[in-house]
């Protein structure tokens, strides 16, 4: 199945608008510096732990783990029955997948995961320009936006229960890149933003869609990095198996700008457009980052190195023979 074939299948889904209570006392700096990320550890000691997320992934320091093979995406290619909800929770834009029926659950397995994890929701983090906004970085580089697909270990009955166990959650992280053209697979989400401009507003999609259309081509999803970390918002529980994919999702400038200009933060001071809703990078400390079987582990292309080395060797040999070096 080609993702492009499904790009226009859900652009006209009817939406139902409703309201709910926006969340929590914590915030990002644009909302109020006094409750921003630097103060989260004062609100919840977990946020000052040793295994916090997000991190910078230095590819040359990753450890190749050939047991990290292709992840099995169960149900990702189907539009499940039930109701999905797009919500402005006061901190981000999130799509709740809890309305799917038990029969149509969306799971991930394999790829080094010892258990089966069921998809609960996905949400976004983005910046105020086209160069920063992602939570994770690769080789020190941030990206405009990041998508998190949150999954819960099916051993547990509820999200709060899963947060109490080291193997409770698995989050798939996808980074975005800027594109000259719209990514039509995101049109419904982008169009829905105008109905959730204020914190607490949500819209119900009358029909769902295959999650696979939001992702890069499945052929490239064997390239990823894995580490143990935490939720990136309070309470920062260190119960997450993180998978950060190498292949990026394209998004156009107008689509990206819709996130910046349409939805607003929860704020006690004045209405503030939602952006820079990402946590600063956290220290890796004693943790290891593992590269999947197919992931890149160096900034340099192996092909480039193989081509340049003979030329360099020939130059040095010629230099020595001529007595010029």
C-alpha atoms as a PDB file:
ATOM      1  CA  UNK A   1       0.000   0.000   0.000  1.00  0.00           C
ATOM      2  CA  UNK A   2       1.395   3.391  -1.000  1.00  0.00           C
ATOM      3  CA  UNK A   3       0.843   6.148   1.538  1.00  0.00           C
ATOM      4  CA  UNK A   4       0.205   8.656  -1.223  1.00  0.00           C
ATOM      5  CA  UNK A   5      -2.776   6.610  -2.399  1.00  0.00           C
ATOM      6  CA  UNK A   6      -4.543   7.374   0.869  1.00  0.00           C
ATOM      7  CA  UNK A   7      -3.638  11.039   1.076  1.00  0.00           C
ATOM      8  CA  UNK A   8      -7.095  12.361   0.266  1.00  0.00           C
ATOM      9  CA  UNK A   9      -9.270   9.721   1.858  1.00  0.00           C
ATOM     10  CA  UNK A  10     -10.230  11.567   5.015  1.00  0.00           C
ATOM     11  CA  UNK A  11     -10.202  15.250   4.150  1.00  0.00           C
ATOM     12  CA  UNK A  12     -13.941  15.760   4.505  1.00  0.00           C
ATOM     13  CA  UNK A  13     -14.664  13.842   7.685  1.00  0.00           C
ATOM     14  CA  UNK A  14     -17.427  15.574   9.706  1.00  0.00           C
ATOM     15  CA  UNK A  15     -16.334  16.927  13.057  1.00  0.00           C
ATOM     16  CA  UNK A  16     -18.147  17.405  16.342  1.00  0.00           C
ATOM     17  CA  UNK A  17     -16.873  20.214  18.573  1.00  0.00           C
ATOM     18  CA  UNK A  18     -16.883  19.873  22.358  1.00  0.00           C
ATOM     19  CA  UNK A  19     -15.074  21.298  25.368  1.00  0.00           C
ATOM     20  CA  UNK A  20     -13.063  19.793  28.202  1.00  0.00           C
ATOM     21  CA  UNK A  21     -10.856  20.978  31.024  1.00  0.00           C
ATOM     22  CA  UNK A  22      -7.315  21.996  30.026  1.00  0.00           C
ATOM     23  CA  UNK A  23      -4.565  20.383  32.048  1.00  0.00           C
ATOM     24  CA  UNK A  24      -2.063  21.000  34.777  1.00  0.00           C
ATOM     25  CA  UNK A  25      -0.122  23.668  36.686  1.00  0.00           C
ATOM     26  CA  UNK A  26       3.108  23.143  34.737  1.00  0.00           C
ATOM     27  CA  UNK A  27       3.760  25.106  31.558  1.00  0.00           C
ATOM     28  CA  UNK A  28       6.233  26.150  28.892  1.00  0.00           C
ATOM     29  CA  UNK A  29       8.196  29.383  29.065  1.00  0.00           C
ATOM     30  CA  UNK A  30       5.949  31.257  26.612  1.00  0.00           C
ATOM     31  CA  UNK A  31       3.045  30.639  28.983  1.00  0.00           C
ATOM     32  CA  UNK A  32       4.858  31.638  32.162  1.00  0.00           C
ATOM     33  CA  UNK A  33       8.592  31.329  32.843  1.00  0.00           C
ATOM     34  CA  UNK A  34       7.932  30.661  36.527  1.00  0.00           C
ATOM     35  CA  UNK A  35       6.343  27.280  35.733  1.00  0.00           C
ATOM     36  CA  UNK A  36       8.476  26.456  32.675  1.00  0.00           C
ATOM     37  CA  UNK A  37      10.732  23.417  32.146  1.00  0.00           C
ATOM     38  CA  UNK A  38      13.542  24.667  34.407  1.00  0.00           C
ATOM     39  CA  UNK A  39      11.092  24.492  37.347  1.00  0.00           C
ATOM     40  CA  UNK A  40       9.505  21.123  36.592  1.00  0.00           C
ATOM     41  CA  UNK A  41      11.860  19.285  38.922  1.00  0.00           C
ATOM     42  CA  UNK A  42      10.650  21.531  41.735  1.00  0.00           C
ATOM     43  CA  UNK A  43       7.056  20.485  41.011  1.00  0.00           C
ATOM     44  CA  UNK A  44       7.837  16.797  40.559  1.00  0.00           C
ATOM     45  CA  UNK A  45      11.088  15.170  41.656  1.00  0.00           C
ATOM     46  CA  UNK A  46      10.830  12.662  38.783  1.00  0.00           C
ATOM     47  CA  UNK A  47      11.687  15.513  36.410  1.00  0.00           C
ATOM     48  CA  UNK A  48      15.153  15.707  37.998  1.00  0.00           C
ATOM     49  CA  UNK A  49      15.860  11.992  37.543  1.00  0.00           C
ATOM     50  CA  UNK A  50      18.780  10.295  35.825  1.00  0.00           C
ATOM     51  CA  UNK A  51      16.873   8.901  32.833  1.00  0.00           C
ATOM     52  CA  UNK A  52      15.036  11.915  31.480  1.00  0.00           C
ATOM     53  CA  UNK A  53      13.904  12.716  27.948  1.00  0.00           C
ATOM     54  CA  UNK A  54      14.393  14.150  25.386  1.00  0.00           C
ATOM     55  CA  UNK A  55      18.061  13.670  24.500  1.00  0.00           C
ATOM     56  CA  UNK A  56      20.551  14.462  21.762  1.00  0.00           C
ATOM     57  CA  UNK A  57      21.376  11.297  19.813  1.00  0.00           C
ATOM     58  CA  UNK A  58      25.035  11.307  18.769  1.00  0.00           C
ATOM     59  CA  UNK A  59      25.098   8.696  16.059  1.00  0.00           C
ATOM     60  CA  UNK A  60      28.812   7.958  16.341  1.00  0.00           C
ATOM     61  CA  UNK A  61      28.306   7.054  20.001  1.00  0.00           C
ATOM     62  CA  UNK A  62      25.363   4.750  19.447  1.00  0.00           C
ATOM     63  CA  UNK A  63      25.763   1.000  19.839  1.00  0.00           C
ATOM     64  CA  UNK A  64      24.696  -1.223  16.975  1.00  0.00           C
ATOM     65  CA  UNK A  65      22.133  -3.793  18.148  1.00  0.00           C
ATOM     66  CA  UNK A  66      21.243  -6.242  15.385  1.00  0.00           C
ATOM     67  CA  UNK A  67      18.354  -7.581  17.447  1.00  0.00           C
ATOM     68  CA  UNK A  68      16.609  -4.261  16.756  1.00  0.00           C
ATOM     69  CA  UNK A  69      14.984  -5.436  13.554  1.00  0.00           C
ATOM     70  CA  UNK A  70      11.814  -4.213  11.889  1.00  0.00           C
ATOM     71  CA  UNK A  71       8.971  -3.203  14.194  1.00  0.00           C
ATOM     72  CA  UNK A  72       5.640  -4.895  13.547  1.00  0.00           C
ATOM     73  CA  UNK A  73       2.902  -2.277  13.088  1.00  0.00           C
ATOM     74  CA  UNK A  74      -0.358  -4.124  13.726  1.00  0.00           C
ATOM     75  CA  UNK A  75      -3.522  -2.345  12.599  1.00  0.00           C
ATOM     76  CA  UNK A  76      -1.631   0.712  11.337  1.00  0.00           C
ATOM     77  CA  UNK A  77      -2.878   0.110   7.802  1.00  0.00           C
ATOM     78  CA  UNK A  78      -6.561   0.079   8.752  1.00  0.00           C
ATOM     79  CA  UNK A  79      -9.136   2.695   9.720  1.00  0.00           C
ATOM     80  CA  UNK A  80     -10.433   1.323  13.046  1.00  0.00           C
ATOM     81  CA  UNK A  81     -14.009   1.585  14.188  1.00  0.00           C
ATOM     82  CA  UNK A  82     -14.833   3.995  17.009  1.00  0.00           C
ATOM     83  CA  UNK A  83     -14.231   7.677  17.656  1.00  0.00           C
ATOM     84  CA  UNK A  84     -11.004   9.673  17.668  1.00  0.00           C
ATOM     85  CA  UNK A  85     -10.752  13.078  19.348  1.00  0.00           C
ATOM     86  CA  UNK A  86      -8.483  16.003  18.425  1.00  0.00           C
ATOM     87  CA  UNK A  87      -7.871  18.199  21.485  1.00  0.00           C
ATOM     88  CA  UNK A  88      -6.128  21.404  22.474  1.00  0.00           C
ATOM     89  CA  UNK A  89      -5.088  20.449  26.012  1.00  0.00           C
ATOM     90  CA  UNK A  90      -3.484  23.823  26.743  1.00  0.00           C
ATOM     91  CA  UNK A  91       0.035  22.545  26.022  1.00  0.00           C
ATOM     92  CA  UNK A  92      -0.181  20.762  22.672  1.00  0.00           C
ATOM     93  CA  UNK A  93      -2.476  19.299  20.038  1.00  0.00           C
ATOM     94  CA  UNK A  94      -3.269  15.661  20.753  1.00  0.00           C
ATOM     95  CA  UNK A  95      -5.364  12.993  19.028  1.00  0.00           C
ATOM     96  CA  UNK A  96      -6.900  10.476  21.422  1.00  0.00           C
ATOM     97  CA  UNK A  97      -7.299   6.991  19.927  1.00  0.00           C
ATOM     98  CA  UNK A  98      -9.127   5.497  22.913  1.00  0.00           C
ATOM     99  CA  UNK A  99     -12.396   5.340  20.998  1.00  0.00           C
ATOM    100  CA  UNK A 100     -11.198   2.391  18.907  1.00  0.00           C
ATOM    101  CA  UNK A 101     -12.828  -0.923  19.715  1.00  0.00           C
ATOM    102  CA  UNK A 102     -10.911  -3.813  21.261  1.00  0.00           C
ATOM    103  CA  UNK A 103     -11.077  -5.721  17.975  1.00  0.00           C
ATOM    104  CA  UNK A 104      -9.491  -2.829  16.075  1.00  0.00           C
ATOM    105  CA  UNK A 105      -6.687  -2.032  18.484  1.00  0.00           C
ATOM    106  CA  UNK A 106      -3.486  -0.637  16.999  1.00  0.00           C
ATOM    107  CA  UNK A 107      -0.359  -2.327  18.375  1.00  0.00           C
ATOM    108  CA  UNK A 108       3.399  -2.451  17.963  1.00  0.00           C
ATOM    109  CA  UNK A 109       5.501  -5.542  18.624  1.00  0.00           C
ATOM    110  CA  UNK A 110       8.981  -6.926  17.810  1.00  0.00           C
ATOM    111  CA  UNK A 111      11.797  -4.519  16.964  1.00  0.00           C
ATOM    112  CA  UNK A 112      13.437  -5.345  20.300  1.00  0.00           C
ATOM    113  CA  UNK A 113      10.241  -4.723  22.266  1.00  0.00           C
ATOM    114  CA  UNK A 114       9.629  -7.612  24.641  1.00  0.00           C
ATOM    115  CA  UNK A 115       5.917  -6.927  24.996  1.00  0.00           C
ATOM    116  CA  UNK A 116       2.968  -5.776  22.906  1.00  0.00           C
ATOM    117  CA  UNK A 117       2.069  -2.077  23.169  1.00  0.00           C
ATOM    118  CA  UNK A 118      -1.297  -0.566  22.217  1.00  0.00           C
ATOM    119  CA  UNK A 119      -1.598   2.913  20.696  1.00  0.00           C
ATOM    120  CA  UNK A 120      -3.366   5.429  22.963  1.00  0.00           C
ATOM    121  CA  UNK A 121      -2.781   8.836  21.403  1.00  0.00           C
ATOM    122  CA  UNK A 122      -0.445  10.967  19.344  1.00  0.00           C
ATOM    123  CA  UNK A 123       0.574  14.588  19.806  1.00  0.00           C
ATOM    124  CA  UNK A 124       2.986  17.194  18.465  1.00  0.00           C
ATOM    125  CA  UNK A 125       5.796  19.490  19.611  1.00  0.00           C
ATOM    126  CA  UNK A 126       6.896  22.439  17.461  1.00  0.00           C
ATOM    127  CA  UNK A 127       8.935  25.643  17.478  1.00  0.00           C
ATOM    128  CA  UNK A 128       8.375  29.200  16.307  1.00  0.00           C
ATOM    129  CA  UNK A 129      10.439  28.916  13.128  1.00  0.00           C
ATOM    130  CA  UNK A 130      11.523  26.240  10.668  1.00  0.00           C
ATOM    131  CA  UNK A 131      14.777  25.264  12.382  1.00  0.00           C
ATOM    132  CA  UNK A 132      13.824  24.254  15.913  1.00  0.00           C
ATOM    133  CA  UNK A 133      10.835  22.710  17.610  1.00  0.00           C
ATOM    134  CA  UNK A 134      11.552  19.017  17.958  1.00  0.00           C
ATOM    135  CA  UNK A 135      12.255  17.602  21.388  1.00  0.00           C
ATOM    136  CA  UNK A 136      14.900  15.097  20.314  1.00  0.00           C
ATOM    137  CA  UNK A 137      17.974  16.121  18.354  1.00  0.00           C
ATOM    138  CA  UNK A 138      20.265  14.049  16.155  1.00  0.00           C
ATOM    139  CA  UNK A 139      23.937  15.026  16.129  1.00  0.00           C
ATOM    140  CA  UNK A 140      22.962  18.301  17.799  1.00  0.00           C
ATOM    141  CA  UNK A 141      20.407  19.250  15.154  1.00  0.00           C
ATOM    142  CA  UNK A 142      16.818  20.065  16.056  1.00  0.00           C
ATOM    143  CA  UNK A 143      13.958  19.791  13.574  1.00  0.00           C
ATOM    144  CA  UNK A 144      10.856  21.989  13.062  1.00  0.00           C
ATOM    145  CA  UNK A 145       8.394  19.553  14.644  1.00  0.00           C
ATOM    146  CA  UNK A 146       8.120  16.153  16.304  1.00  0.00           C
ATOM    147  CA  UNK A 147       5.306  13.608  16.415  1.00  0.00           C
ATOM    148  CA  UNK A 148       4.929  11.281  19.414  1.00  0.00           C
ATOM    149  CA  UNK A 149       2.829   8.122  19.127  1.00  0.00           C
ATOM    150  CA  UNK A 150       2.209   6.944  22.686  1.00  0.00           C
ATOM    151  CA  UNK A 151       1.657   3.213  23.311  1.00  0.00           C
ATOM    152  CA  UNK A 152       0.831   1.373  26.550  1.00  0.00           C
ATOM    153  CA  UNK A 153       1.959  -2.128  27.494  1.00  0.00           C
ATOM    154  CA  UNK A 154      -1.133  -4.345  27.152  1.00  0.00           C
ATOM    155  CA  UNK A 155      -0.200  -6.013  30.454  1.00  0.00           C
ATOM    156  CA  UNK A 156      -1.720  -2.986  32.166  1.00  0.00           C
ATOM    157  CA  UNK A 157      -5.330  -1.854  32.210  1.00  0.00           C
ATOM    158  CA  UNK A 158      -4.896   1.909  32.278  1.00  0.00           C
ATOM    159  CA  UNK A 159      -2.375   4.632  31.433  1.00  0.00           C
ATOM    160  CA  UNK A 160      -1.893   5.611  35.084  1.00  0.00           C
ATOM    161  CA  UNK A 161      -1.160   1.983  35.971  1.00  0.00           C
ATOM    162  CA  UNK A 162       1.351   1.687  33.122  1.00  0.00           C
ATOM    163  CA  UNK A 163       3.183   4.804  34.351  1.00  0.00           C
ATOM    164  CA  UNK A 164       4.044   2.873  37.508  1.00  0.00           C
ATOM    165  CA  UNK A 165       6.058   0.190  35.709  1.00  0.00           C
ATOM    166  CA  UNK A 166       9.506   0.418  33.996  1.00  0.00           C
ATOM    167  CA  UNK A 167       8.123  -1.336  30.901  1.00  0.00           C
ATOM    168  CA  UNK A 168       4.851   0.581  30.927  1.00  0.00           C
ATOM    169  CA  UNK A 169       5.087   2.762  27.823  1.00  0.00           C
ATOM    170  CA  UNK A 170       6.626   2.796  24.353  1.00  0.00           C
ATOM    171  CA  UNK A 171       6.712   6.032  22.366  1.00  0.00           C
ATOM    172  CA  UNK A 172       7.499   6.305  18.669  1.00  0.00           C
ATOM    173  CA  UNK A 173       9.129   9.603  17.729  1.00  0.00           C
ATOM    174  CA  UNK A 174       9.087  11.028  14.204  1.00  0.00           C
ATOM    175  CA  UNK A 175      10.903  14.204  13.193  1.00  0.00           C
ATOM    176  CA  UNK A 176       9.612  16.588  10.504  1.00  0.00           C
ATOM    177  CA  UNK A 177      11.374  18.298   7.627  1.00  0.00           C
ATOM    178  CA  UNK A 178      10.206  21.277   5.594  1.00  0.00           C
ATOM    179  CA  UNK A 179       8.754  20.557   2.151  1.00  0.00           C
ATOM    180  CA  UNK A 180       7.918  22.724  -0.852  1.00  0.00           C
ATOM    181  CA  UNK A 181       4.506  21.057  -1.159  1.00  0.00           C
ATOM    182  CA  UNK A 182       1.730  20.221   1.290  1.00  0.00           C
ATOM    183  CA  UNK A 183       1.660  16.807   2.908  1.00  0.00           C
ATOM    184  CA  UNK A 184      -1.976  16.026   2.064  1.00  0.00           C
ATOM    185  CA  UNK A 185      -2.017  13.222   4.643  1.00  0.00           C
ATOM    186  CA  UNK A 186      -2.071  15.949   7.316  1.00  0.00           C
ATOM    187  CA  UNK A 187      -4.836  18.085   5.788  1.00  0.00           C
ATOM    188  CA  UNK A 188      -7.559  16.883   8.167  1.00  0.00           C
ATOM    189  CA  UNK A 189      -5.443  17.617  11.242  1.00  0.00           C
ATOM    190  CA  UNK A 190      -4.371  21.021   9.941  1.00  0.00           C
ATOM    191  CA  UNK A 191      -7.961  21.894   8.999  1.00  0.00           C
ATOM    192  CA  UNK A 192      -9.178  20.781  12.405  1.00  0.00           C
ATOM    193  CA  UNK A 193      -6.895  23.243  14.216  1.00  0.00           C
ATOM    194  CA  UNK A 194      -9.308  26.118  13.552  1.00  0.00           C
ATOM    195  CA  UNK A 195     -11.915  24.317  15.686  1.00  0.00           C
ATOM    196  CA  UNK A 196      -9.609  23.856  18.700  1.00  0.00           C
ATOM    197  CA  UNK A 197      -8.028  27.285  18.891  1.00  0.00           C
ATOM    198  CA  UNK A 198      -8.598  27.646  22.637  1.00  0.00           C
ATOM    199  CA  UNK A 199      -7.462  25.345  25.472  1.00  0.00           C
ATOM    200  CA  UNK A 200     -10.077  22.738  26.301  1.00  0.00           C
ATOM    201  CA  UNK A 201     -11.698  22.664  22.876  1.00  0.00           C
ATOM    202  CA  UNK A 202     -11.843  19.335  21.046  1.00  0.00           C
ATOM    203  CA  UNK A 203     -13.370  17.853  17.925  1.00  0.00           C
ATOM    204  CA  UNK A 204     -14.619  14.311  17.367  1.00  0.00           C
ATOM    205  CA  UNK A 205     -13.858  12.723  14.029  1.00  0.00           C
ATOM    206  CA  UNK A 206     -16.890  10.847  12.756  1.00  0.00           C
ATOM    207  CA  UNK A 207     -14.541   8.440  10.949  1.00  0.00           C
ATOM    208  CA  UNK A 208     -10.970   7.351  11.544  1.00  0.00           C
ATOM    209  CA  UNK A 209      -8.086   6.710   9.140  1.00  0.00           C
ATOM    210  CA  UNK A 210      -5.044   4.417   8.922  1.00  0.00           C
ATOM    211  CA  UNK A 211      -2.257   5.756  11.127  1.00  0.00           C
ATOM    212  CA  UNK A 212       0.271   4.617   8.529  1.00  0.00           C
ATOM    213  CA  UNK A 213      -0.595   7.557   6.264  1.00  0.00           C
ATOM    214  CA  UNK A 214       0.831   9.976   8.835  1.00  0.00           C
ATOM    215  CA  UNK A 215       4.211   8.219   8.839  1.00  0.00           C
ATOM    216  CA  UNK A 216       7.127   8.007   6.410  1.00  0.00           C
ATOM    217  CA  UNK A 217       7.159   5.158   3.919  1.00  0.00           C
ATOM    218  CA  UNK A 218       7.099   1.904   5.902  1.00  0.00           C
ATOM    219  CA  UNK A 219      10.103   0.675   3.901  1.00  0.00           C
ATOM    220  CA  UNK A 220      12.300   3.155   5.779  1.00  0.00           C
ATOM    221  CA  UNK A 221      11.068   2.432   9.317  1.00  0.00           C
ATOM    222  CA  UNK A 222      13.735  -0.180  10.046  1.00  0.00           C
ATOM    223  CA  UNK A 223      16.134   2.735  10.675  1.00  0.00           C
ATOM    224  CA  UNK A 224      15.745   3.943  14.251  1.00  0.00           C
ATOM    225  CA  UNK A 225      17.403   4.565  17.626  1.00  0.00           C
ATOM    226  CA  UNK A 226      16.282   3.104  20.952  1.00  0.00           C
ATOM    227  CA  UNK A 227      16.900   4.199  24.531  1.00  0.00           C
ATOM    228  CA  UNK A 228      15.232   4.152  27.935  1.00  0.00           C
ATOM    229  CA  UNK A 229      13.817   7.455  29.041  1.00  0.00           C
ATOM    230  CA  UNK A 230      10.868   9.342  30.436  1.00  0.00           C
ATOM    231  CA  UNK A 231       7.742  11.234  29.562  1.00  0.00           C
ATOM    232  CA  UNK A 232       8.763  14.710  28.395  1.00  0.00           C
ATOM    233  CA  UNK A 233       6.137  16.496  30.501  1.00  0.00           C
ATOM    234  CA  UNK A 234       5.444  16.306  34.245  1.00  0.00           C
ATOM    235  CA  UNK A 235       5.365  13.873  35.992  1.00  0.00           C
ATOM    236  CA  UNK A 236       8.346  12.810  33.837  1.00  0.00           C
ATOM    237  CA  UNK A 237       7.976   9.127  34.794  1.00  0.00           C
ATOM    238  CA  UNK A 238      11.001   7.109  33.641  1.00  0.00           C
ATOM    239  CA  UNK A 239       8.984   4.271  32.120  1.00  0.00           C
ATOM    240  CA  UNK A 240       9.352   4.866  28.367  1.00  0.00           C
ATOM    241  CA  UNK A 241      11.074   2.790  25.707  1.00  0.00           C
ATOM    242  CA  UNK A 242      11.828   5.488  23.131  1.00  0.00           C
ATOM    243  CA  UNK A 243      12.138   4.767  19.412  1.00  0.00           C
ATOM    244  CA  UNK A 244      13.391   7.743  17.388  1.00  0.00           C
ATOM    245  CA  UNK A 245      13.177   7.177  13.644  1.00  0.00           C
ATOM    246  CA  UNK A 246      15.775   8.370  11.187  1.00  0.00           C
ATOM    247  CA  UNK A 247      13.389   8.968   8.262  1.00  0.00           C
ATOM    248  CA  UNK A 248      11.557  12.307   8.502  1.00  0.00           C
ATOM    249  CA  UNK A 249       8.009  13.401   7.697  1.00  0.00           C
ATOM    250  CA  UNK A 250       7.612  16.253   5.187  1.00  0.00           C
ATOM    251  CA  UNK A 251       5.417  19.244   6.012  1.00  0.00           C
ATOM    252  CA  UNK A 252       4.983  22.491   4.080  1.00  0.00           C
ATOM    253  CA  UNK A 253       5.559  25.960   5.451  1.00  0.00           C
ATOM    254  CA  UNK A 254       1.831  26.881   5.338  1.00  0.00           C
ATOM    255  CA  UNK A 255       0.914  23.669   7.198  1.00  0.00           C
ATOM    256  CA  UNK A 256       3.605  24.266   9.805  1.00  0.00           C
ATOM    257  CA  UNK A 257       2.548  27.894  10.211  1.00  0.00           C
ATOM    258  CA  UNK A 258      -1.021  26.746  10.869  1.00  0.00           C
ATOM    259  CA  UNK A 259       0.148  25.157  14.122  1.00  0.00           C
ATOM    260  CA  UNK A 260       1.946  28.357  15.157  1.00  0.00           C
ATOM    261  CA  UNK A 261      -0.823  30.792  14.240  1.00  0.00           C
ATOM    262  CA  UNK A 262      -4.057  28.936  14.981  1.00  0.00           C
ATOM    263  CA  UNK A 263      -3.975  27.318  18.424  1.00  0.00           C
ATOM    264  CA  UNK A 264      -3.417  29.041  21.756  1.00  0.00           C
ATOM    265  CA  UNK A 265      -1.840  28.064  25.057  1.00  0.00           C
ATOM    266  CA  UNK A 266      -3.579  27.905  28.372  1.00  0.00           C
ATOM    267  CA  UNK A 267      -2.496  31.176  30.011  1.00  0.00           C
ATOM    268  CA  UNK A 268      -3.355  33.196  33.115  1.00  0.00           C
ATOM    269  CA  UNK A 269      -1.814  36.381  31.732  1.00  0.00           C
ATOM    270  CA  UNK A 270      -2.876  36.933  28.108  1.00  0.00           C
ATOM    271  CA  UNK A 271      -3.748  34.810  25.065  1.00  0.00           C
ATOM    272  CA  UNK A 272      -0.520  33.362  23.688  1.00  0.00           C
ATOM    273  CA  UNK A 273      -0.109  31.494  20.423  1.00  0.00           C
ATOM    274  CA  UNK A 274       1.154  27.963  20.956  1.00  0.00           C
ATOM    275  CA  UNK A 275       4.773  27.379  19.915  1.00  0.00           C
ATOM    276  CA  UNK A 276       8.085  26.285  21.438  1.00  0.00           C
ATOM    277  CA  UNK A 277       6.229  23.575  23.341  1.00  0.00           C
ATOM    278  CA  UNK A 278       9.260  21.345  23.622  1.00  0.00           C
ATOM    279  CA  UNK A 279      11.331  20.378  26.646  1.00  0.00           C
ATOM    280  CA  UNK A 280      15.051  21.239  26.515  1.00  0.00           C
ATOM    281  CA  UNK A 281      17.483  18.380  25.951  1.00  0.00           C
ATOM    282  CA  UNK A 282      18.305  16.326  29.022  1.00  0.00           C
ATOM    283  CA  UNK A 283      21.696  14.770  29.921  1.00  0.00           C
ATOM    284  CA  UNK A 284      22.233  11.195  28.782  1.00  0.00           C
ATOM    285  CA  UNK A 285      24.297  10.358  31.899  1.00  0.00           C
ATOM    286  CA  UNK A 286      25.058   6.631  32.093  1.00  0.00           C
ATOM    287  CA  UNK A 287      22.530   5.513  29.512  1.00  0.00           C
ATOM    288  CA  UNK A 288      23.296   3.927  26.163  1.00  0.00           C
ATOM    289  CA  UNK A 289      21.582   4.656  22.867  1.00  0.00           C
ATOM    290  CA  UNK A 290      21.216   1.698  20.530  1.00  0.00           C
ATOM    291  CA  UNK A 291      21.048   1.845  16.745  1.00  0.00           C
ATOM    292  CA  UNK A 292      18.834  -0.584  14.881  1.00  0.00           C
ATOM    293  CA  UNK A 293      20.213  -3.061  12.379  1.00  0.00           C
ATOM    294  CA  UNK A 294      19.742  -0.612   9.472  1.00  0.00           C
ATOM    295  CA  UNK A 295      20.268   2.762  11.187  1.00  0.00           C
ATOM    296  CA  UNK A 296      23.147   5.123  10.426  1.00  0.00           C
ATOM    297  CA  UNK A 297      25.812   5.293  13.117  1.00  0.00           C
ATOM    298  CA  UNK A 298      28.080   7.941  11.602  1.00  0.00           C
ATOM    299  CA  UNK A 299      27.776  11.419  10.148  1.00  0.00           C
ATOM    300  CA  UNK A 300      30.005  10.310   7.255  1.00  0.00           C
ATOM    301  CA  UNK A 301      28.744   8.189   4.417  1.00  0.00           C
ATOM    302  CA  UNK A 302      30.585   4.834   4.240  1.00  0.00           C
ATOM    303  CA  UNK A 303      30.609   5.191   0.427  1.00  0.00           C
ATOM    304  CA  UNK A 304      32.332   8.560   0.638  1.00  0.00           C
ATOM    305  CA  UNK A 305      34.986   7.179   2.990  1.00  0.00           C
ATOM    306  CA  UNK A 306      35.628   4.203   0.705  1.00  0.00           C
ATOM    307  CA  UNK A 307      36.106   6.495  -2.285  1.00  0.00           C
ATOM    308  CA  UNK A 308      38.315   9.048  -0.570  1.00  0.00           C
ATOM    309  CA  UNK A 309      40.696   6.696   1.224  1.00  0.00           C
ATOM    310  CA  UNK A 310      42.427   5.336  -1.951  1.00  0.00           C
ATOM    311  CA  UNK A 311      42.851   8.886  -3.256  1.00  0.00           C
ATOM    312  CA  UNK A 312      44.388  10.026   0.019  1.00  0.00           C
ATOM    313  CA  UNK A 313      46.724   7.023   0.097  1.00  0.00           C
ATOM    314  CA  UNK A 314      47.839   7.680  -3.486  1.00  0.00           C
ATOM    315  CA  UNK A 315      48.534  11.341  -2.671  1.00  0.00           C
ATOM    316  CA  UNK A 316      50.649  10.489   0.382  1.00  0.00           C
ATOM    317  CA  UNK A 317      52.607   7.855  -1.552  1.00  0.00           C
ATOM    318  CA  UNK A 318      53.307  10.275  -4.424  1.00  0.00           C
ATOM    319  CA  UNK A 319      54.294  12.979  -1.985  1.00  0.00           C
ATOM    320  CA  UNK A 320      56.775  10.704  -0.217  1.00  0.00           C
ATOM    321  CA  UNK A 321      58.325   9.431  -3.473  1.00  0.00           C
ATOM    322  CA  UNK A 322      58.841  12.952  -4.781  1.00  0.00           C
ATOM    323  CA  UNK A 323      60.456  14.064  -1.546  1.00  0.00           C
ATOM    324  CA  UNK A 324      58.074  16.981  -1.197  1.00  0.00           C
ATOM    325  CA  UNK A 325      56.754  15.844   2.194  1.00  0.00           C
END
